[in-house]
Each structure stands twice: as structure tokens, then as C-alpha cells.
PDB file of N, CA and C in Angstrom:
ATOM      1  N   UNK A   1       5.343  11.459  -6.269  1.00  0.00           N
ATOM      2  CA  UNK A   1       5.759  10.210  -6.863  1.00  0.00           C
ATOM      3  C   UNK A   1       6.939   9.599  -6.117  1.00  0.00           C
ATOM      4  N   UNK A   2       7.837  10.445  -5.649  1.00  0.00           N
ATOM      5  CA  UNK A   2       9.006   9.891  -4.966  1.00  0.00           C
ATOM      6  C   UNK A   2       8.593   9.164  -3.683  1.00  0.00           C
ATOM      7  N   UNK A   3       7.601   9.691  -2.993  1.00  0.00           N
ATOM      8  CA  UNK A   3       7.120   9.017  -1.775  1.00  0.00           C
ATOM      9  C   UNK A   3       6.458   7.686  -2.136  1.00  0.00           C
ATOM     10  N   UNK A   4       5.720   7.658  -3.232  1.00  0.00           N
ATOM     11  CA  UNK A   4       5.101   6.411  -3.691  1.00  0.00           C
ATOM     12  C   UNK A   4       6.169   5.344  -3.903  1.00  0.00           C
ATOM     13  N   UNK A   5       7.236   5.687  -4.632  1.00  0.00           N
ATOM     14  CA  UNK A   5       8.280   4.693  -4.911  1.00  0.00           C
ATOM     15  C   UNK A   5       9.049   4.322  -3.651  1.00  0.00           C
ATOM     16  N   UNK A   6       9.202   5.256  -2.732  1.00  0.00           N
ATOM     17  CA  UNK A   6       9.849   4.937  -1.462  1.00  0.00           C
ATOM     18  C   UNK A   6       9.025   3.893  -0.702  1.00  0.00           C
ATOM     19  N   UNK A   7       7.714   4.109  -0.638  1.00  0.00           N
ATOM     20  CA  UNK A   7       6.831   3.154   0.036  1.00  0.00           C
ATOM     21  C   UNK A   7       6.868   1.790  -0.658  1.00  0.00           C
ATOM     22  N   UNK A   8       6.795   1.796  -1.984  1.00  0.00           N
ATOM     23  CA  UNK A   8       6.821   0.546  -2.754  1.00  0.00           C
ATOM     24  C   UNK A   8       8.107  -0.224  -2.502  1.00  0.00           C
ATOM     25  N   UNK A   9       9.233   0.457  -2.585  1.00  0.00           N
ATOM     26  CA  UNK A   9      10.526  -0.213  -2.426  1.00  0.00           C
ATOM     27  C   UNK A   9      10.755  -0.675  -1.000  1.00  0.00           C
ATOM     28  N   UNK A  10      10.297   0.086  -0.028  1.00  0.00           N
ATOM     29  CA  UNK A  10      10.421  -0.337   1.369  1.00  0.00           C
ATOM     30  C   UNK A  10       9.593  -1.590   1.630  1.00  0.00           C
ATOM     31  N   UNK A  11       8.410  -1.649   1.063  1.00  0.00           N
ATOM     32  CA  UNK A  11       7.507  -2.773   1.324  1.00  0.00           C
ATOM     33  C   UNK A  11       7.855  -4.010   0.504  1.00  0.00           C
ATOM     34  N   UNK A  12       8.205  -3.815  -0.762  1.00  0.00           N
ATOM     35  CA  UNK A  12       8.349  -4.960  -1.667  1.00  0.00           C
ATOM     36  C   UNK A  12       9.763  -5.193  -2.172  1.00  0.00           C
ATOM     37  N   UNK A  13      10.690  -4.310  -1.845  1.00  0.00           N
ATOM     38  CA  UNK A  13      12.058  -4.426  -2.340  1.00  0.00           C
ATOM     39  C   UNK A  13      12.225  -3.615  -3.615  1.00  0.00           C
ATOM     40  N   UNK A  14      13.447  -3.133  -3.829  1.00  0.00           N
ATOM     41  CA  UNK A  14      13.714  -2.224  -4.948  1.00  0.00           C
ATOM     42  C   UNK A  14      13.420  -2.860  -6.303  1.00  0.00           C
ATOM     43  N   UNK A  15      13.774  -4.106  -6.482  1.00  0.00           N
ATOM     44  CA  UNK A  15      13.543  -4.761  -7.764  1.00  0.00           C
ATOM     45  C   UNK A  15      12.093  -5.139  -7.983  1.00  0.00           C
ATOM     46  N   UNK A  16      11.489  -5.779  -6.996  1.00  0.00           N
ATOM     47  CA  UNK A  16      10.130  -6.287  -7.160  1.00  0.00           C
ATOM     48  C   UNK A  16       9.094  -5.167  -7.201  1.00  0.00           C
ATOM     49  N   UNK A  17       9.361  -4.042  -6.563  1.00  0.00           N
ATOM     50  CA  UNK A  17       8.401  -2.929  -6.544  1.00  0.00           C
ATOM     51  C   UNK A  17       8.038  -2.504  -7.962  1.00  0.00           C
ATOM     52  N   UNK A  18       9.015  -2.428  -8.826  1.00  0.00           N
ATOM     53  CA  UNK A  18       8.779  -1.981 -10.198  1.00  0.00           C
ATOM     54  C   UNK A  18       8.092  -3.069 -11.026  1.00  0.00           C
ATOM     55  N   UNK A  19       8.448  -4.308 -10.783  1.00  0.00           N
ATOM     56  CA  UNK A  19       7.778  -5.425 -11.457  1.00  0.00           C
ATOM     57  C   UNK A  19       6.307  -5.459 -11.049  1.00  0.00           C
ATOM     58  N   UNK A  20       6.057  -5.296  -9.769  1.00  0.00           N
ATOM     59  CA  UNK A  20       4.691  -5.299  -9.254  1.00  0.00           C
ATOM     60  C   UNK A  20       3.876  -4.162  -9.863  1.00  0.00           C
ATOM     61  N   UNK A  21       4.441  -2.972  -9.918  1.00  0.00           N
ATOM     62  CA  UNK A  21       3.722  -1.820 -10.484  1.00  0.00           C
ATOM     63  C   UNK A  21       3.387  -2.046 -11.951  1.00  0.00           C
ATOM     64  N   UNK A  22       4.267  -2.749 -12.663  1.00  0.00           N
ATOM     65  CA  UNK A  22       4.050  -3.007 -14.091  1.00  0.00           C
ATOM     66  C   UNK A  22       3.101  -4.167 -14.358  1.00  0.00           C
ATOM     67  N   UNK A  23       2.847  -5.002 -13.349  1.00  0.00           N
ATOM     68  CA  UNK A  23       2.047  -6.205 -13.605  1.00  0.00           C
ATOM     69  C   UNK A  23       0.759  -6.309 -12.794  1.00  0.00           C
ATOM     70  N   UNK A  24       0.683  -5.656 -11.644  1.00  0.00           N
ATOM     71  CA  UNK A  24      -0.501  -5.766 -10.793  1.00  0.00           C
ATOM     72  C   UNK A  24      -1.645  -4.935 -11.361  1.00  0.00           C
ATOM     73  N   UNK A  25      -2.731  -5.601 -11.692  1.00  0.00           N
ATOM     74  CA  UNK A  25      -3.901  -4.921 -12.240  1.00  0.00           C
ATOM     75  C   UNK A  25      -4.769  -4.434 -11.081  1.00  0.00           C
ATOM     76  N   UNK A  26      -5.089  -3.141 -11.114  1.00  0.00           N
ATOM     77  CA  UNK A  26      -5.932  -2.533 -10.093  1.00  0.00           C
ATOM     78  C   UNK A  26      -7.357  -2.479 -10.614  1.00  0.00           C
ATOM     79  N   UNK A  27      -8.256  -3.158  -9.964  1.00  0.00           N
ATOM     80  CA  UNK A  27      -9.637  -3.249 -10.431  1.00  0.00           C
ATOM     81  C   UNK A  27     -10.313  -1.885 -10.523  1.00  0.00           C
ATOM     82  N   UNK A  28     -10.019  -1.002  -9.600  1.00  0.00           N
ATOM     83  CA  UNK A  28     -10.661   0.316  -9.600  1.00  0.00           C
ATOM     84  C   UNK A  28     -10.193   1.201 -10.752  1.00  0.00           C
ATOM     85  N   UNK A  29      -9.086   0.830 -11.400  1.00  0.00           N
ATOM     86  CA  UNK A  29      -8.532   1.660 -12.456  1.00  0.00           C
ATOM     87  C   UNK A  29      -8.413   0.927 -13.792  1.00  0.00           C
ATOM     88  N   UNK A  30      -8.895  -0.295 -13.876  1.00  0.00           N
ATOM     89  CA  UNK A  30      -8.905  -1.066 -15.122  1.00  0.00           C
ATOM     90  C   UNK A  30      -7.544  -1.112 -15.810  1.00  0.00           C
ATOM     91  N   UNK A  31      -6.517  -1.299 -15.056  1.00  0.00           N
ATOM     92  CA  UNK A  31      -5.175  -1.414 -15.620  1.00  0.00           C
ATOM     93  C   UNK A  31      -4.163  -1.614 -14.515  1.00  0.00           C
ATOM     94  N   UNK A  32      -2.898  -1.624 -14.898  1.00  0.00           N
ATOM     95  CA  UNK A  32      -1.845  -1.827 -13.908  1.00  0.00           C
ATOM     96  C   UNK A  32      -1.645  -0.577 -13.062  1.00  0.00           C
ATOM     97  N   UNK A  33      -0.924  -0.757 -11.979  1.00  0.00           N
ATOM     98  CA  UNK A  33      -0.591   0.373 -11.116  1.00  0.00           C
ATOM     99  C   UNK A  33       0.195   1.416 -11.900  1.00  0.00           C
ATOM    100  N   UNK A  34       1.156   0.970 -12.702  1.00  0.00           N
ATOM    101  CA  UNK A  34       1.965   1.905 -13.487  1.00  0.00           C
ATOM    102  C   UNK A  34       1.100   2.654 -14.491  1.00  0.00           C
ATOM    103  N   UNK A  35       0.169   1.967 -15.127  1.00  0.00           N
ATOM    104  CA  UNK A  35      -0.732   2.623 -16.088  1.00  0.00           C
ATOM    105  C   UNK A  35      -1.574   3.685 -15.391  1.00  0.00           C
ATOM    106  N   UNK A  36      -2.064   3.379 -14.193  1.00  0.00           N
ATOM    107  CA  UNK A  36      -2.860   4.358 -13.442  1.00  0.00           C
ATOM    108  C   UNK A  36      -2.026   5.594 -13.123  1.00  0.00           C
ATOM    109  N   UNK A  37      -0.789   5.380 -12.704  1.00  0.00           N
ATOM    110  CA  UNK A  37       0.092   6.513 -12.423  1.00  0.00           C
ATOM    111  C   UNK A  37       0.340   7.334 -13.680  1.00  0.00           C
ATOM    112  N   UNK A  38       0.578   6.643 -14.791  1.00  0.00           N
ATOM    113  CA  UNK A  38       0.819   7.333 -16.064  1.00  0.00           C
ATOM    114  C   UNK A  38      -0.388   8.149 -16.507  1.00  0.00           C
ATOM    115  N   UNK A  39      -1.580   7.710 -16.119  1.00  0.00           N
ATOM    116  CA  UNK A  39      -2.814   8.412 -16.481  1.00  0.00           C
ATOM    117  C   UNK A  39      -3.135   9.562 -15.525  1.00  0.00           C
ATOM    118  N   UNK A  40      -2.298   9.733 -14.510  1.00  0.00           N
ATOM    119  CA  UNK A  40      -2.479  10.843 -13.596  1.00  0.00           C
ATOM    120  C   UNK A  40      -3.253  10.541 -12.338  1.00  0.00           C
ATOM    121  N   UNK A  41      -3.511   9.272 -12.058  1.00  0.00           N
ATOM    122  CA  UNK A  41      -4.188   8.917 -10.814  1.00  0.00           C
ATOM    123  C   UNK A  41      -3.258   9.272  -9.649  1.00  0.00           C
ATOM    124  N   UNK A  42      -3.824   9.836  -8.613  1.00  0.00           N
ATOM    125  CA  UNK A  42      -3.061  10.229  -7.428  1.00  0.00           C
ATOM    126  C   UNK A  42      -2.294   9.014  -6.893  1.00  0.00           C
ATOM    127  N   UNK A  43      -0.972   9.128  -6.723  1.00  0.00           N
ATOM    128  CA  UNK A  43      -0.185   8.007  -6.206  1.00  0.00           C
ATOM    129  C   UNK A  43      -0.686   7.486  -4.862  1.00  0.00           C
ATOM    130  N   UNK A  44      -1.298   8.345  -4.039  1.00  0.00           N
ATOM    131  CA  UNK A  44      -1.852   7.893  -2.754  1.00  0.00           C
ATOM    132  C   UNK A  44      -2.948   6.862  -2.971  1.00  0.00           C
ATOM    133  N   UNK A  45      -3.776   7.080  -3.994  1.00  0.00           N
ATOM    134  CA  UNK A  45      -4.867   6.148  -4.282  1.00  0.00           C
ATOM    135  C   UNK A  45      -4.325   4.837  -4.837  1.00  0.00           C
ATOM    136  N   UNK A  46      -3.312   4.939  -5.677  1.00  0.00           N
ATOM    137  CA  UNK A  46      -2.686   3.736  -6.235  1.00  0.00           C
ATOM    138  C   UNK A  46      -2.042   2.922  -5.113  1.00  0.00           C
ATOM    139  N   UNK A  47      -1.311   3.594  -4.240  1.00  0.00           N
ATOM    140  CA  UNK A  47      -0.647   2.921  -3.123  1.00  0.00           C
ATOM    141  C   UNK A  47      -1.670   2.204  -2.231  1.00  0.00           C
ATOM    142  N   UNK A  48      -2.758   2.887  -1.914  1.00  0.00           N
ATOM    143  CA  UNK A  48      -3.785   2.277  -1.059  1.00  0.00           C
ATOM    144  C   UNK A  48      -4.364   1.029  -1.721  1.00  0.00           C
ATOM    145  N   UNK A  49      -4.638   1.101  -3.001  1.00  0.00           N
ATOM    146  CA  UNK A  49      -5.181  -0.047  -3.732  1.00  0.00           C
ATOM    147  C   UNK A  49      -4.192  -1.212  -3.721  1.00  0.00           C
ATOM    148  N   UNK A  50      -2.909  -0.910  -3.928  1.00  0.00           N
ATOM    149  CA  UNK A  50      -1.881  -1.954  -3.880  1.00  0.00           C
ATOM    150  C   UNK A  50      -1.848  -2.591  -2.500  1.00  0.00           C
ATOM    151  N   UNK A  51      -1.900  -1.775  -1.463  1.00  0.00           N
ATOM    152  CA  UNK A  51      -1.877  -2.301  -0.091  1.00  0.00           C
ATOM    153  C   UNK A  51      -3.037  -3.258   0.153  1.00  0.00           C
ATOM    154  N   UNK A  52      -4.205  -2.897  -0.318  1.00  0.00           N
ATOM    155  CA  UNK A  52      -5.381  -3.744  -0.115  1.00  0.00           C
ATOM    156  C   UNK A  52      -5.221  -5.065  -0.873  1.00  0.00           C
ATOM    157  N   UNK A  53      -4.855  -4.983  -2.132  1.00  0.00           N
ATOM    158  CA  UNK A  53      -4.721  -6.190  -2.960  1.00  0.00           C
ATOM    159  C   UNK A  53      -3.617  -7.103  -2.420  1.00  0.00           C
ATOM    160  N   UNK A  54      -2.498  -6.522  -2.036  1.00  0.00           N
ATOM    161  CA  UNK A  54      -1.348  -7.307  -1.574  1.00  0.00           C
ATOM    162  C   UNK A  54      -1.424  -7.649  -0.083  1.00  0.00           C
ATOM    163  N   UNK A  55      -2.506  -7.240   0.563  1.00  0.00           N
ATOM    164  CA  UNK A  55      -2.737  -7.517   1.978  1.00  0.00           C
ATOM    165  C   UNK A  55      -1.606  -7.008   2.874  1.00  0.00           C
ATOM    166  N   UNK A  56      -1.177  -5.791   2.578  1.00  0.00           N
ATOM    167  CA  UNK A  56      -0.186  -5.132   3.425  1.00  0.00           C
ATOM    168  C   UNK A  56      -0.906  -4.723   4.714  1.00  0.00           C
ATOM    169  N   UNK A  57      -0.363  -5.075   5.877  1.00  0.00           N
ATOM    170  CA  UNK A  57      -1.012  -4.679   7.133  1.00  0.00           C
ATOM    171  C   UNK A  57      -1.162  -3.162   7.217  1.00  0.00           C
ATOM    172  N   UNK A  58      -2.299  -2.717   7.713  1.00  0.00           N
ATOM    173  CA  UNK A  58      -2.589  -1.284   7.775  1.00  0.00           C
ATOM    174  C   UNK A  58      -1.519  -0.481   8.507  1.00  0.00           C
ATOM    175  N   UNK A  59      -0.860  -1.079   9.479  1.00  0.00           N
ATOM    176  CA  UNK A  59       0.169  -0.332  10.209  1.00  0.00           C
ATOM    177  C   UNK A  59       1.377   0.005   9.327  1.00  0.00           C
ATOM    178  N   UNK A  60       1.468  -0.609   8.140  1.00  0.00           N
ATOM    179  CA  UNK A  60       2.577  -0.298   7.225  1.00  0.00           C
ATOM    180  C   UNK A  60       2.125   0.543   6.030  1.00  0.00           C
ATOM    181  N   UNK A  61       0.863   0.949   5.992  1.00  0.00           N
ATOM    182  CA  UNK A  61       0.373   1.745   4.869  1.00  0.00           C
ATOM    183  C   UNK A  61       1.059   3.106   4.782  1.00  0.00           C
ATOM    184  N   UNK A  62       1.567   3.600   5.881  1.00  0.00           N
ATOM    185  CA  UNK A  62       2.230   4.902   5.888  1.00  0.00           C
ATOM    186  C   UNK A  62       3.742   4.764   5.887  1.00  0.00           C
ATOM    187  N   UNK A  63       4.215   3.550   5.651  1.00  0.00           N
ATOM    188  CA  UNK A  63       5.646   3.308   5.528  1.00  0.00           C
ATOM    189  C   UNK A  63       6.212   2.499   6.664  1.00  0.00           C
ATOM    190  N   UNK A  64       7.385   2.023   6.424  1.00  0.00           N
ATOM    191  CA  UNK A  64       8.122   1.248   7.404  1.00  0.00           C
ATOM    192  C   UNK A  64       8.806   2.222   8.360  1.00  0.00           C
ATOM    193  N   UNK A  65       8.745   1.907   9.629  1.00  0.00           N
ATOM    194  CA  UNK A  65       9.417   2.768  10.617  1.00  0.00           C
ATOM    195  C   UNK A  65      10.920   2.644  10.434  1.00  0.00           C
ATOM    196  N   UNK A  66      11.568   3.762  10.131  1.00  0.00           N
ATOM    197  CA  UNK A  66      13.015   3.780   9.950  1.00  0.00           C
ATOM    198  C   UNK A  66      13.659   4.521  11.101  1.00  0.00           C
ATOM    199  N   UNK A  67      14.860   4.080  11.499  1.00  0.00           N
ATOM    200  CA  UNK A  67      15.537   4.829  12.555  1.00  0.00           C
ATOM    201  C   UNK A  67      15.920   6.222  12.042  1.00  0.00           C
ATOM    202  N   UNK A  68      15.937   7.214  12.917  1.00  0.00           N
ATOM    203  CA  UNK A  68      16.291   8.573  12.476  1.00  0.00           C
ATOM    204  C   UNK A  68      17.728   8.624  11.975  1.00  0.00           C
ATOM    205  N   UNK A  69      17.962   9.509  11.000  1.00  0.00           N
ATOM    206  CA  UNK A  69      19.326   9.701  10.487  1.00  0.00           C
ATOM    207  C   UNK A  69      20.105  10.558  11.462  1.00  0.00           C
ATOM    208  N   UNK A  70      21.355  10.215  11.652  1.00  0.00           N
ATOM    209  CA  UNK A  70      22.218  10.994  12.567  1.00  0.00           C
ATOM    210  C   UNK A  70      22.850  12.144  11.847  1.00  0.00           C
TER     211      UNK A  70
END
């Protein structure tokens, strides 16, 4: 779950990521992203569905490239 939220916040911003999860309806799961997570759907599947719906470029599906920590 922590990786899911990291990806969401990196892509959509810390505030909007949670709003999006609470409001975006995923057709494959008949409910919002948050509802799917609450029902035990694998966060990887939820993330992929969000990426498709929100038209996130495939090169960012595995996260934003961050510089290494020193």
C-alpha cells in the first residue's frame, strides 16, 4: 500500500491523489479506487487501472525517476 500511495502522490500530488482515489470510479471494480483497495483488490491492479483512465504515460507507470539519495 505504501508504494501505491507513493506512486499516486508522485503522479498527482499529495492532496489530489487522495481526492482522486476517493472519487475516480474504476469500471473493472464497480466502485472507486479507494473502495477497491478497501475490498482487498491488489494495489498494483488499482494503480494500473488509474493509469489507464487518467492517461498516465506508460513510462511513468512504475514511478517518477527520482535522483538517488546521498
